[in-house]
Amino acid sequence: MCSRAPGLYDASTRFPDANNSDVKQAQESIVQLVLRVLETFHLQDEMAIHMVRGLRSILHGYTSIEQLGAFGMALNK
């Protein structure tokens, strides 16, 4: 995944200018998309936000490990 575009994930995790309305809108769109996916679980607002954060953390952890090449277990494809 990361080997195809080195640095892409790192670039996406940078905190841009907080006053940039385009960036704010893009960030909000992503959060809203994930919240819509989570609607099927009927979570309350605060819990849904925690789930969005948890998902982001899982994705970040996976991507960080992948960047390090630390997934060494062989898989049959």
N, C-alpha and C. Protein backbone atom coordinates (compact mmCIF):
# COMPACT_ATOMS: atom_id res chain seq x y z
N MET A 1 0.82 -1.18 0.00
CA MET A 1 0.00 0.00 0.00
C MET A 1 0.87 1.25 0.00
N CYS A 2 1.65 1.45 1.02
CA CYS A 2 2.46 2.66 1.14
C CYS A 2 3.63 2.67 0.17
N SER A 3 4.08 1.51 -0.24
CA SER A 3 5.25 1.46 -1.11
C SER A 3 4.96 2.03 -2.49
N ARG A 4 3.70 2.11 -2.87
CA ARG A 4 3.36 2.67 -4.18
C ARG A 4 3.47 4.19 -4.21
N ALA A 5 3.27 4.82 -3.08
CA ALA A 5 3.32 6.28 -3.01
C ALA A 5 3.98 6.70 -1.70
N PRO A 6 5.29 6.50 -1.58
CA PRO A 6 5.98 6.86 -0.34
C PRO A 6 5.74 8.33 0.01
N GLY A 7 5.44 8.58 1.25
CA GLY A 7 5.24 9.94 1.72
C GLY A 7 3.81 10.44 1.62
N LEU A 8 2.97 9.73 0.88
CA LEU A 8 1.58 10.19 0.71
C LEU A 8 0.84 10.20 2.04
N TYR A 9 0.96 9.13 2.80
CA TYR A 9 0.26 9.09 4.09
C TYR A 9 0.80 10.16 5.02
N ASP A 10 2.11 10.31 5.09
CA ASP A 10 2.69 11.35 5.95
C ASP A 10 2.15 12.73 5.57
N ALA A 11 2.05 12.99 4.28
CA ALA A 11 1.54 14.28 3.82
C ALA A 11 0.09 14.47 4.22
N SER A 12 -0.68 13.39 4.26
CA SER A 12 -2.10 13.52 4.59
C SER A 12 -2.34 13.71 6.07
N THR A 13 -1.34 13.46 6.90
CA THR A 13 -1.53 13.61 8.34
C THR A 13 -0.99 14.94 8.88
N ARG A 14 -0.46 15.76 8.01
CA ARG A 14 0.03 17.07 8.44
C ARG A 14 -1.14 17.96 8.82
N PHE A 15 -0.96 18.78 9.82
CA PHE A 15 -2.02 19.68 10.24
C PHE A 15 -1.87 20.98 9.46
N PRO A 16 -2.78 21.21 8.54
CA PRO A 16 -2.70 22.41 7.70
C PRO A 16 -3.14 23.66 8.45
N ASP A 17 -3.11 24.75 7.77
CA ASP A 17 -3.56 26.03 8.31
C ASP A 17 -4.99 25.87 8.81
N ALA A 18 -5.20 26.05 10.10
CA ALA A 18 -6.52 25.87 10.70
C ALA A 18 -7.54 26.88 10.19
N ASN A 19 -7.09 27.94 9.58
CA ASN A 19 -8.00 28.97 9.08
C ASN A 19 -8.36 28.76 7.60
N ASN A 20 -7.84 27.72 6.98
CA ASN A 20 -8.11 27.44 5.57
C ASN A 20 -9.49 26.79 5.46
N SER A 21 -10.45 27.51 4.89
CA SER A 21 -11.82 27.01 4.83
C SER A 21 -11.95 25.79 3.93
N ASP A 22 -11.14 25.69 2.89
CA ASP A 22 -11.19 24.52 2.01
C ASP A 22 -10.76 23.26 2.75
N VAL A 23 -9.73 23.38 3.55
CA VAL A 23 -9.24 22.24 4.33
C VAL A 23 -10.27 21.85 5.37
N LYS A 24 -10.82 22.82 6.06
CA LYS A 24 -11.85 22.54 7.06
C LYS A 24 -13.03 21.81 6.43
N GLN A 25 -13.45 22.25 5.26
CA GLN A 25 -14.58 21.63 4.57
C GLN A 25 -14.25 20.19 4.18
N ALA A 26 -13.05 19.96 3.69
CA ALA A 26 -12.64 18.60 3.31
C ALA A 26 -12.61 17.68 4.53
N GLN A 27 -12.05 18.18 5.62
CA GLN A 27 -11.99 17.39 6.84
C GLN A 27 -13.39 17.05 7.35
N GLU A 28 -14.26 18.03 7.35
CA GLU A 28 -15.63 17.82 7.81
C GLU A 28 -16.36 16.83 6.91
N SER A 29 -16.11 16.88 5.61
CA SER A 29 -16.74 15.95 4.68
C SER A 29 -16.35 14.50 4.98
N ILE A 30 -15.09 14.31 5.30
CA ILE A 30 -14.61 12.95 5.62
C ILE A 30 -15.27 12.45 6.90
N VAL A 31 -15.31 13.30 7.92
CA VAL A 31 -15.94 12.91 9.18
C VAL A 31 -17.41 12.59 8.96
N GLN A 32 -18.11 13.41 8.19
CA GLN A 32 -19.54 13.18 7.93
C GLN A 32 -19.76 11.88 7.18
N LEU A 33 -18.88 11.56 6.25
CA LEU A 33 -18.98 10.30 5.51
C LEU A 33 -18.89 9.11 6.46
N VAL A 34 -17.90 9.14 7.34
CA VAL A 34 -17.73 8.03 8.29
C VAL A 34 -18.92 7.97 9.24
N LEU A 35 -19.41 9.11 9.69
CA LEU A 35 -20.58 9.12 10.57
C LEU A 35 -21.79 8.51 9.87
N ARG A 36 -21.97 8.77 8.59
CA ARG A 36 -23.09 8.17 7.85
C ARG A 36 -22.95 6.66 7.80
N VAL A 37 -21.74 6.18 7.61
CA VAL A 37 -21.51 4.73 7.59
C VAL A 37 -21.86 4.13 8.95
N LEU A 38 -21.51 4.86 10.02
CA LEU A 38 -21.75 4.36 11.38
C LEU A 38 -23.21 4.48 11.82
N GLU A 39 -24.05 5.18 11.07
CA GLU A 39 -25.45 5.36 11.46
C GLU A 39 -26.17 4.04 11.69
N THR A 40 -25.76 3.00 10.97
CA THR A 40 -26.43 1.70 11.12
C THR A 40 -26.27 1.13 12.53
N PHE A 41 -25.30 1.64 13.29
CA PHE A 41 -25.08 1.16 14.66
C PHE A 41 -25.86 1.96 15.69
N HIS A 42 -26.59 2.98 15.26
CA HIS A 42 -27.45 3.80 16.13
C HIS A 42 -26.70 4.33 17.35
N LEU A 43 -25.54 4.89 17.12
CA LEU A 43 -24.72 5.45 18.20
C LEU A 43 -25.18 6.86 18.52
N GLN A 44 -25.04 7.25 19.77
CA GLN A 44 -25.30 8.63 20.15
C GLN A 44 -24.17 9.49 19.61
N ASP A 45 -24.41 10.78 19.48
CA ASP A 45 -23.45 11.69 18.84
C ASP A 45 -22.03 11.56 19.38
N GLU A 46 -21.88 11.63 20.69
CA GLU A 46 -20.54 11.59 21.28
C GLU A 46 -19.86 10.24 21.03
N MET A 47 -20.61 9.16 21.17
CA MET A 47 -20.03 7.84 20.94
C MET A 47 -19.65 7.66 19.47
N ALA A 48 -20.44 8.21 18.57
CA ALA A 48 -20.11 8.12 17.15
C ALA A 48 -18.79 8.82 16.86
N ILE A 49 -18.57 9.97 17.46
CA ILE A 49 -17.30 10.69 17.27
C ILE A 49 -16.14 9.86 17.83
N HIS A 50 -16.36 9.22 18.98
CA HIS A 50 -15.31 8.35 19.52
C HIS A 50 -15.00 7.20 18.56
N MET A 51 -16.02 6.67 17.90
CA MET A 51 -15.81 5.59 16.94
C MET A 51 -15.03 6.09 15.71
N VAL A 52 -15.32 7.30 15.26
CA VAL A 52 -14.56 7.89 14.15
C VAL A 52 -13.10 8.00 14.55
N ARG A 53 -12.86 8.48 15.75
CA ARG A 53 -11.48 8.62 16.24
C ARG A 53 -10.80 7.26 16.36
N GLY A 54 -11.55 6.27 16.85
CA GLY A 54 -11.00 4.92 16.97
C GLY A 54 -10.62 4.34 15.62
N LEU A 55 -11.49 4.52 14.64
CA LEU A 55 -11.21 4.04 13.29
C LEU A 55 -9.97 4.72 12.73
N ARG A 56 -9.88 6.02 12.93
CA ARG A 56 -8.70 6.75 12.46
C ARG A 56 -7.43 6.22 13.12
N SER A 57 -7.53 5.93 14.41
CA SER A 57 -6.37 5.40 15.14
C SER A 57 -5.95 4.03 14.61
N ILE A 58 -6.93 3.18 14.31
CA ILE A 58 -6.62 1.86 13.75
C ILE A 58 -5.93 2.01 12.40
N LEU A 59 -6.48 2.86 11.54
CA LEU A 59 -5.88 3.08 10.22
C LEU A 59 -4.48 3.67 10.34
N HIS A 60 -4.30 4.58 11.28
CA HIS A 60 -2.98 5.18 11.48
C HIS A 60 -1.98 4.13 11.95
N GLY A 61 -2.40 3.30 12.89
CA GLY A 61 -1.52 2.25 13.39
C GLY A 61 -1.12 1.29 12.28
N TYR A 62 -2.09 0.84 11.50
CA TYR A 62 -1.80 -0.07 10.39
C TYR A 62 -0.82 0.57 9.41
N THR A 63 -1.10 1.81 9.04
CA THR A 63 -0.27 2.49 8.04
C THR A 63 1.14 2.70 8.57
N SER A 64 1.26 3.05 9.83
CA SER A 64 2.59 3.25 10.43
C SER A 64 3.40 1.96 10.41
N ILE A 65 2.76 0.85 10.78
CA ILE A 65 3.45 -0.44 10.77
C ILE A 65 3.82 -0.83 9.34
N GLU A 66 2.91 -0.61 8.42
CA GLU A 66 3.17 -0.93 7.00
C GLU A 66 4.35 -0.12 6.47
N GLN A 67 4.42 1.16 6.82
CA GLN A 67 5.53 2.01 6.36
C GLN A 67 6.87 1.49 6.86
N LEU A 68 6.88 0.93 8.04
CA LEU A 68 8.11 0.40 8.61
C LEU A 68 8.48 -0.97 8.04
N GLY A 69 7.57 -1.54 7.26
CA GLY A 69 7.81 -2.87 6.72
C GLY A 69 7.77 -3.94 7.79
N ALA A 70 7.03 -3.67 8.85
CA ALA A 70 7.04 -4.55 10.01
C ALA A 70 5.98 -5.66 9.97
N PHE A 71 5.19 -5.73 8.89
CA PHE A 71 4.28 -6.86 8.74
C PHE A 71 5.06 -7.96 8.03
N GLY A 72 5.73 -8.79 8.80
CA GLY A 72 6.64 -9.78 8.22
C GLY A 72 6.02 -11.14 8.02
N MET A 73 4.82 -11.38 8.54
CA MET A 73 4.22 -12.70 8.43
C MET A 73 3.82 -12.98 6.98
N ALA A 74 4.26 -14.10 6.45
CA ALA A 74 3.93 -14.45 5.07
C ALA A 74 2.45 -14.82 4.97
N LEU A 75 1.83 -14.40 3.89
CA LEU A 75 0.42 -14.72 3.63
C LEU A 75 0.32 -15.44 2.30
N ASN A 76 -0.55 -16.42 2.24
CA ASN A 76 -0.84 -17.08 0.96
C ASN A 76 -1.78 -16.19 0.19
N LYS A 77 -1.42 -15.86 -1.04
CA LYS A 77 -2.27 -14.97 -1.84
C LYS A 77 -3.05 -15.74 -2.84
